[in-house]
Protein backbone atom coordinates (compact mmCIF):
# COMPACT_ATOMS: atom_id res chain seq x y z
CA UNK A 1 100.75 111.23 62.05
CA UNK A 2 97.49 111.09 64.01
CA UNK A 3 95.67 107.78 63.61
CA UNK A 4 92.22 109.18 62.84
CA UNK A 5 90.42 105.84 63.07
CA UNK A 6 91.69 105.15 66.59
CA UNK A 7 91.04 108.72 67.66
CA UNK A 8 87.42 108.61 66.52
CA UNK A 9 86.83 105.22 68.11
CA UNK A 10 88.24 106.24 71.44
CA UNK A 11 86.47 109.58 71.45
CA UNK A 12 83.10 107.96 70.76
CA UNK A 13 83.65 105.17 73.26
CA UNK A 14 84.77 107.29 76.17
CA UNK A 15 82.57 110.34 75.49
CA UNK A 16 85.37 112.68 76.52
CA UNK A 17 86.08 114.72 73.38
CA UNK A 18 87.93 117.46 75.24
CA UNK A 19 90.43 115.05 76.75
CA UNK A 20 90.84 112.05 74.49
CA UNK A 21 92.24 113.92 71.48
CA UNK A 22 95.16 115.11 73.58
CA UNK A 23 95.80 111.57 74.77
CA UNK A 24 95.50 110.22 71.25
CA UNK A 25 97.87 112.80 69.83
CA UNK A 26 100.54 111.69 72.30
CA UNK A 27 99.86 107.95 71.98
CA UNK A 28 97.85 107.55 68.78
CA UNK A 29 98.35 103.78 68.42
CA UNK A 30 97.25 102.82 71.94
CA UNK A 31 96.11 100.18 72.54
CA UNK A 32 97.79 98.39 69.65
CA UNK A 33 97.36 94.91 71.18
CA UNK A 34 95.13 93.23 73.82
CA UNK A 35 95.54 94.65 77.33
CA UNK A 36 96.45 92.19 80.08
CA UNK A 37 94.76 92.83 83.42
CA UNK A 38 96.79 90.83 85.92
CA UNK A 39 94.88 89.65 88.99
CA UNK A 40 97.23 88.29 91.69
CA UNK A 41 94.46 86.06 93.10
CA UNK A 42 92.80 82.84 92.01
CA UNK A 43 90.10 82.73 89.35
CA UNK A 44 86.55 82.89 90.65
CA UNK A 45 87.41 84.69 93.89
CA UNK A 46 86.08 87.99 95.27
CA UNK A 47 88.79 90.00 93.47
CA UNK A 48 88.69 88.08 90.22
CA UNK A 49 84.93 88.47 89.67
CA UNK A 50 84.88 92.30 89.64
CA UNK A 51 88.07 92.34 87.57
CA UNK A 52 86.46 90.20 84.88
CA UNK A 53 83.33 92.33 84.81
CA UNK A 54 85.39 95.50 84.43
CA UNK A 55 87.64 93.90 81.80
CA UNK A 56 84.63 92.81 79.73
CA UNK A 57 83.15 96.32 79.69
CA UNK A 58 86.50 97.98 79.02
CA UNK A 59 87.01 95.67 76.05
CA UNK A 60 83.76 96.97 74.56
CA UNK A 61 84.97 100.58 74.84
CA UNK A 62 88.53 100.21 73.62
CA UNK A 63 89.77 99.06 70.20
CA UNK A 64 91.36 95.99 71.83
CA UNK A 65 90.23 93.28 74.20
CA UNK A 66 91.09 93.34 77.91
CA UNK A 67 92.15 89.89 79.08
CA UNK A 68 92.26 88.88 82.74
CA UNK A 69 95.34 86.89 83.67
CA UNK A 70 95.50 85.25 87.11
CA UNK A 71 99.08 85.27 88.42
CA UNK A 72 99.09 83.88 91.95
CA UNK A 73 101.92 83.07 94.33
CA UNK A 74 103.72 84.50 97.37
CA UNK A 75 100.65 86.39 98.42
CA UNK A 76 100.28 88.92 95.62
CA UNK A 77 104.01 89.28 94.95
CA UNK A 78 104.20 87.15 91.79
CA UNK A 79 101.43 89.02 90.00
CA UNK A 80 102.58 92.45 91.14
CA UNK A 81 106.16 91.76 90.06
CA UNK A 82 104.96 90.72 86.60
CA UNK A 83 103.32 94.11 86.16
CA UNK A 84 106.09 96.16 87.78
CA UNK A 85 108.58 94.69 85.28
CA UNK A 86 106.30 94.79 82.24
CA UNK A 87 106.80 97.25 79.37
CA UNK A 88 105.72 100.76 80.36
CA UNK A 89 103.18 101.09 77.58
CA UNK A 90 99.81 100.52 79.26
CA UNK A 91 99.28 97.04 77.83
CA UNK A 92 99.87 95.31 81.18
CA UNK A 93 97.90 96.44 84.24
CA UNK A 94 97.48 95.21 87.81
CA UNK A 95 94.08 94.76 89.46
CA UNK A 96 94.94 94.67 93.13
CA UNK A 97 93.67 95.19 96.66
CA UNK A 98 94.69 96.28 100.14
CA UNK A 99 97.50 93.74 99.79
CA UNK A 100 99.44 96.40 97.87
CA UNK A 101 99.51 98.53 101.03
CA UNK A 102 100.66 95.68 103.27
CA UNK A 103 103.27 93.64 101.39
CA UNK A 104 106.04 96.18 101.97
CA UNK A 105 105.93 95.46 105.71
CA UNK A 106 105.03 91.76 105.61
CA UNK A 107 107.81 90.54 103.32
CA UNK A 108 111.41 91.25 104.39
CA UNK A 109 112.50 91.72 100.78
CA UNK A 110 110.56 92.41 97.60
CA UNK A 111 111.61 92.41 93.93
CA UNK A 112 109.80 95.73 93.46
CA UNK A 113 108.65 98.80 95.37
CA UNK A 114 104.85 98.67 95.94
CA UNK A 115 104.55 102.44 95.42
CA UNK A 116 107.43 103.73 93.33
CA UNK A 117 107.33 100.94 90.73
CA UNK A 118 103.68 101.55 89.90
CA UNK A 119 101.57 104.30 88.39
CA UNK A 120 98.11 104.50 90.00
CA UNK A 121 95.31 104.55 87.42
CA UNK A 122 91.95 104.26 89.20
CA UNK A 123 90.26 103.19 92.42
CA UNK A 124 87.31 100.99 91.44
CA UNK A 125 85.55 100.34 94.74
CA UNK A 126 85.52 99.29 98.37
CA UNK A 127 84.08 96.21 100.11
CA UNK A 128 83.39 96.24 103.86
CA UNK A 129 83.92 93.36 106.25
CA UNK A 130 81.45 91.63 108.51
CA UNK A 131 82.16 90.39 112.04
CA UNK A 132 80.59 87.01 112.75
CA UNK A 133 80.83 84.53 115.60
CA UNK A 134 79.86 80.92 116.13
CA UNK A 135 76.29 80.53 117.38
CA UNK A 136 77.48 78.99 120.66
CA UNK A 137 79.63 82.00 121.61
CA UNK A 138 77.91 83.65 124.61
CA UNK A 139 77.72 87.09 122.99
CA UNK A 140 74.93 88.51 120.85
CA UNK A 141 76.29 92.02 120.34
CA UNK A 142 79.72 93.49 119.71
CA UNK A 143 79.92 95.07 123.21
CA UNK A 144 79.11 91.66 124.71
CA UNK A 145 81.84 90.04 122.60
CA UNK A 146 84.40 92.65 123.66
CA UNK A 147 83.48 92.10 127.31
CA UNK A 148 83.76 88.32 126.84
CA UNK A 149 87.24 88.66 125.37
CA UNK A 150 88.33 91.03 128.13
CA UNK A 151 87.26 88.57 130.82
CA UNK A 152 88.88 85.60 129.04
CA UNK A 153 92.25 86.76 127.64
CA UNK A 154 93.80 84.18 125.35
CA UNK A 155 90.90 81.74 125.64
CA UNK A 156 89.31 82.40 122.26
CA UNK A 157 90.59 82.21 118.68
CA UNK A 158 89.75 84.08 115.50
CA UNK A 159 90.13 82.94 111.91
CA UNK A 160 91.56 84.82 108.93
CA UNK A 161 92.33 84.05 105.31
CA UNK A 162 96.09 84.07 105.96
CA UNK A 163 98.83 86.02 107.69
CA UNK A 164 98.97 89.55 106.37
CA UNK A 165 95.72 89.27 104.43
CA UNK A 166 93.14 92.04 104.64
CA UNK A 167 91.03 90.13 107.15
CA UNK A 168 94.02 89.54 109.40
CA UNK A 169 94.91 93.24 109.37
CA UNK A 170 91.34 94.34 110.01
CA UNK A 171 90.97 91.85 112.88
CA UNK A 172 94.15 93.10 114.55
CA UNK A 173 92.97 96.68 114.14
CA UNK A 174 89.72 95.74 115.90
CA UNK A 175 91.53 94.01 118.77
CA UNK A 176 93.76 97.05 119.19
CA UNK A 177 91.02 99.69 119.03
CA UNK A 178 88.71 97.68 121.30
CA UNK A 179 91.24 97.93 124.13
CA UNK A 180 94.08 95.57 123.32
CA UNK A 181 92.08 92.33 123.38
CA UNK A 182 94.01 89.06 123.53
CA UNK A 183 92.52 86.68 120.97
CA UNK A 184 94.68 84.12 119.16
CA UNK A 185 95.00 84.19 115.38
CA UNK A 186 94.40 81.04 113.32
CA UNK A 187 95.25 81.55 109.62
CA UNK A 188 93.52 79.55 106.88
CA UNK A 189 93.94 79.29 103.12
CA UNK A 190 90.93 81.42 102.30
CA UNK A 191 87.38 81.88 103.57
CA UNK A 192 86.16 78.55 102.22
CA UNK A 193 88.73 76.75 104.37
CA UNK A 194 87.98 78.81 107.47
CA UNK A 195 84.18 78.76 107.49
CA UNK A 196 83.71 75.09 108.53
CA UNK A 197 85.70 75.77 111.69
CA UNK A 198 83.71 78.92 112.41
CA UNK A 199 80.49 76.97 111.96
CA UNK A 200 81.53 74.07 114.19
CA UNK A 201 83.04 76.29 116.88
CA UNK A 202 86.70 75.37 116.46
CA UNK A 203 87.29 79.12 116.22
CA UNK A 204 84.96 81.63 117.80
CA UNK A 205 85.17 84.62 115.50
CA UNK A 206 85.92 85.66 111.96
CA UNK A 207 85.95 89.02 110.22
CA UNK A 208 85.25 88.24 106.58
CA UNK A 209 84.58 90.28 103.46
CA UNK A 210 80.88 91.03 103.48
CA UNK A 211 80.06 89.29 100.21
CA UNK A 212 81.47 86.00 101.56
CA UNK A 213 79.96 86.28 105.04
CA UNK A 214 76.54 87.53 103.95
CA UNK A 215 74.89 84.18 103.09
CA UNK A 216 75.93 82.56 106.38
CA UNK A 217 74.52 85.45 108.40
CA UNK A 218 71.32 85.63 106.36
CA UNK A 219 70.73 81.89 106.87
CA UNK A 220 71.32 82.23 110.60
CA UNK A 221 74.26 79.83 110.61
CA UNK A 222 76.44 82.38 112.43
CA UNK A 223 75.75 85.55 114.40
CA UNK A 224 76.60 88.78 112.58
CA UNK A 225 77.67 91.47 115.05
CA UNK A 226 79.09 94.46 113.14
CA UNK A 227 80.05 95.79 109.71
CA UNK A 228 83.33 97.63 109.15
CA UNK A 229 82.03 100.45 106.94
CA UNK A 230 80.60 103.75 108.16
CA UNK A 231 77.17 102.79 106.82
CA UNK A 232 75.12 99.68 107.46
CA UNK A 233 74.75 97.09 104.72
CA UNK A 234 71.44 97.36 102.85
CA UNK A 235 71.25 93.56 102.92
CA UNK A 236 71.60 93.49 106.74
CA UNK A 237 70.06 96.72 108.01
CA UNK A 238 69.79 95.47 111.61
CA UNK A 239 73.54 94.88 112.02
CA UNK A 240 75.32 98.02 113.29
CA UNK A 241 78.65 99.42 112.20
CA UNK A 242 81.62 98.99 114.53
CA UNK A 243 81.43 102.68 115.32
CA UNK A 244 77.75 102.42 116.24
CA UNK A 245 78.54 99.35 118.36
CA UNK A 246 81.13 101.11 120.49
CA UNK A 247 84.49 101.03 118.67
CA UNK A 248 85.04 104.71 117.80
CA UNK A 249 86.89 105.40 114.57
CA UNK A 250 86.97 101.78 113.43
CA UNK A 251 86.73 101.53 109.65
CA UNK A 252 88.24 98.93 107.36
CA UNK A 253 87.73 97.75 103.80
CA UNK A 254 89.26 95.62 101.21
CA UNK A 255 89.50 97.87 98.18
CA UNK A 256 90.24 97.38 94.50
CA UNK A 257 92.39 99.52 92.25
CA UNK A 258 94.14 99.44 88.89
CA UNK A 259 97.86 100.14 88.65
CA UNK A 260 100.20 100.39 85.67
CA UNK A 261 104.00 100.12 85.60
CA UNK A 262 105.72 103.33 86.68
CA UNK A 263 106.70 105.35 83.65
CA UNK A 264 103.58 104.57 81.64
CA UNK A 265 102.85 107.64 79.46
CA UNK A 266 100.52 110.04 81.24
CA UNK A 267 98.11 110.36 78.27
CA UNK A 268 97.63 106.58 78.39
CA UNK A 269 97.05 106.69 82.15
CA UNK A 270 94.53 109.51 81.71
CA UNK A 271 92.69 107.64 78.99
CA UNK A 272 92.53 104.44 81.06
CA UNK A 273 91.31 106.36 84.09
CA UNK A 274 88.50 107.90 82.06
CA UNK A 275 87.50 104.56 80.58
CA UNK A 276 87.51 102.77 83.96
CA UNK A 277 85.48 105.56 85.57
CA UNK A 278 82.96 105.27 82.75
CA UNK A 279 82.66 101.53 83.37
CA UNK A 280 82.24 102.02 87.12
CA UNK A 281 79.43 104.54 86.48
CA UNK A 282 77.41 102.05 84.41
CA UNK A 283 74.19 101.06 86.18
CA UNK A 284 74.60 97.41 85.21
CA UNK A 285 78.09 97.32 86.72
CA UNK A 286 77.05 99.20 89.86
CA UNK A 287 74.11 96.85 90.39
CA UNK A 288 76.13 93.69 89.84
CA UNK A 289 78.89 94.81 92.19
CA UNK A 290 76.40 96.07 94.80
CA UNK A 291 75.16 92.48 94.94
CA UNK A 292 78.74 91.62 95.91
CA UNK A 293 78.61 94.36 98.60
CA UNK A 294 81.06 96.56 96.68
CA UNK A 295 80.55 100.32 96.67
CA UNK A 296 81.81 101.39 93.26
CA UNK A 297 83.89 104.49 92.62
CA UNK A 298 83.63 106.39 89.35
CA UNK A 299 85.26 109.66 90.40
CA UNK A 300 88.87 108.69 91.06
CA UNK A 301 91.87 110.29 89.37
CA UNK A 302 95.40 108.93 89.18
CA UNK A 303 96.39 111.43 91.89
CA UNK A 304 93.51 110.55 94.22
CA UNK A 305 94.23 106.85 93.69
CA UNK A 306 97.84 107.38 94.70
CA UNK A 307 96.76 109.29 97.79
CA UNK A 308 94.38 106.46 98.74
CA UNK A 309 97.23 103.96 98.45
CA UNK A 310 99.70 106.02 100.49
CA UNK A 311 97.06 106.73 103.15
CA UNK A 312 96.33 103.02 103.45
CA UNK A 313 100.04 102.25 103.79
CA UNK A 314 100.28 104.78 106.62
CA UNK A 315 97.20 103.27 108.29
CA UNK A 316 98.29 99.64 108.21
CA UNK A 317 102.02 99.93 108.85
CA UNK A 318 101.70 100.39 112.66
CA UNK A 319 99.10 97.61 112.86
CA UNK A 320 101.42 95.21 111.05
CA UNK A 321 104.47 96.16 113.09
CA UNK A 322 102.77 96.10 116.49
CA UNK A 323 101.12 92.73 115.80
CA UNK A 324 104.37 91.31 114.37
CA UNK A 325 102.61 90.15 111.22
CA UNK A 326 104.76 88.25 108.73
CA UNK A 327 103.98 86.33 105.56
CA UNK A 328 103.12 82.64 105.89
């Protein structure tokens, strides 16, 4: 029997009368309990904050709350495994990042398949990265930095937030595309741990997510040289993109997406996709996340989200293999 109360609530909330009835007919009691949105990163971090904002708005649309659950450990493996092995009913979801495209090649064995054990639901947005150097580094532009590294192979170091993390991958991609530069990698346990050594000159360079790097550049505590997106940051209009600064084709982001366990009913996936897209189109959400330098996406489909993930895997696999990147 069709649960008319749930059908009406969902139809009104999602404003998709042509699609939601079909989903409701196939899964009329969904969601029948609170939805867990697993974030495989620590609370309060750059992934957790958008996840909580999205969860709050989703909870207002759906008949049940959406609860963020931070499941950290082994990179993102612990949280991802919890979702991969959860019931295939749409009540447990994963809010993840570029890490999902990298873990297959960084860890020798995994308790799940990063692609086949998940059902893509929606891509929520992308965040560019910002190249910064210590103020004492004798380079004020990206071309000057590249020339400095070429003339001094192995002399300088760069920081990242850990082996195999997005910033490590993006840094290695830069070194490769800038001509095979030899700069030593120094991994840290997050941006907060790395920044003091960038500021005091222990390491010369760091490519950090833009929302973390932005305040340091704006205060003039470090020199910002390039942004990894194809467009300049509105907050730093004078800093060029890597492509503008002489590294053709360079583009890198950390991105956020929602995944469900493989086998989750398609009507449930469709309904979640519609709801998430509606949240990402809200002006209040777009404005709040723009402050965090995220470009929101409200047009993804499960198929386009899967293509994004597989394209990212194809992009980062050779970078990981050539640089010999392994988990800490």
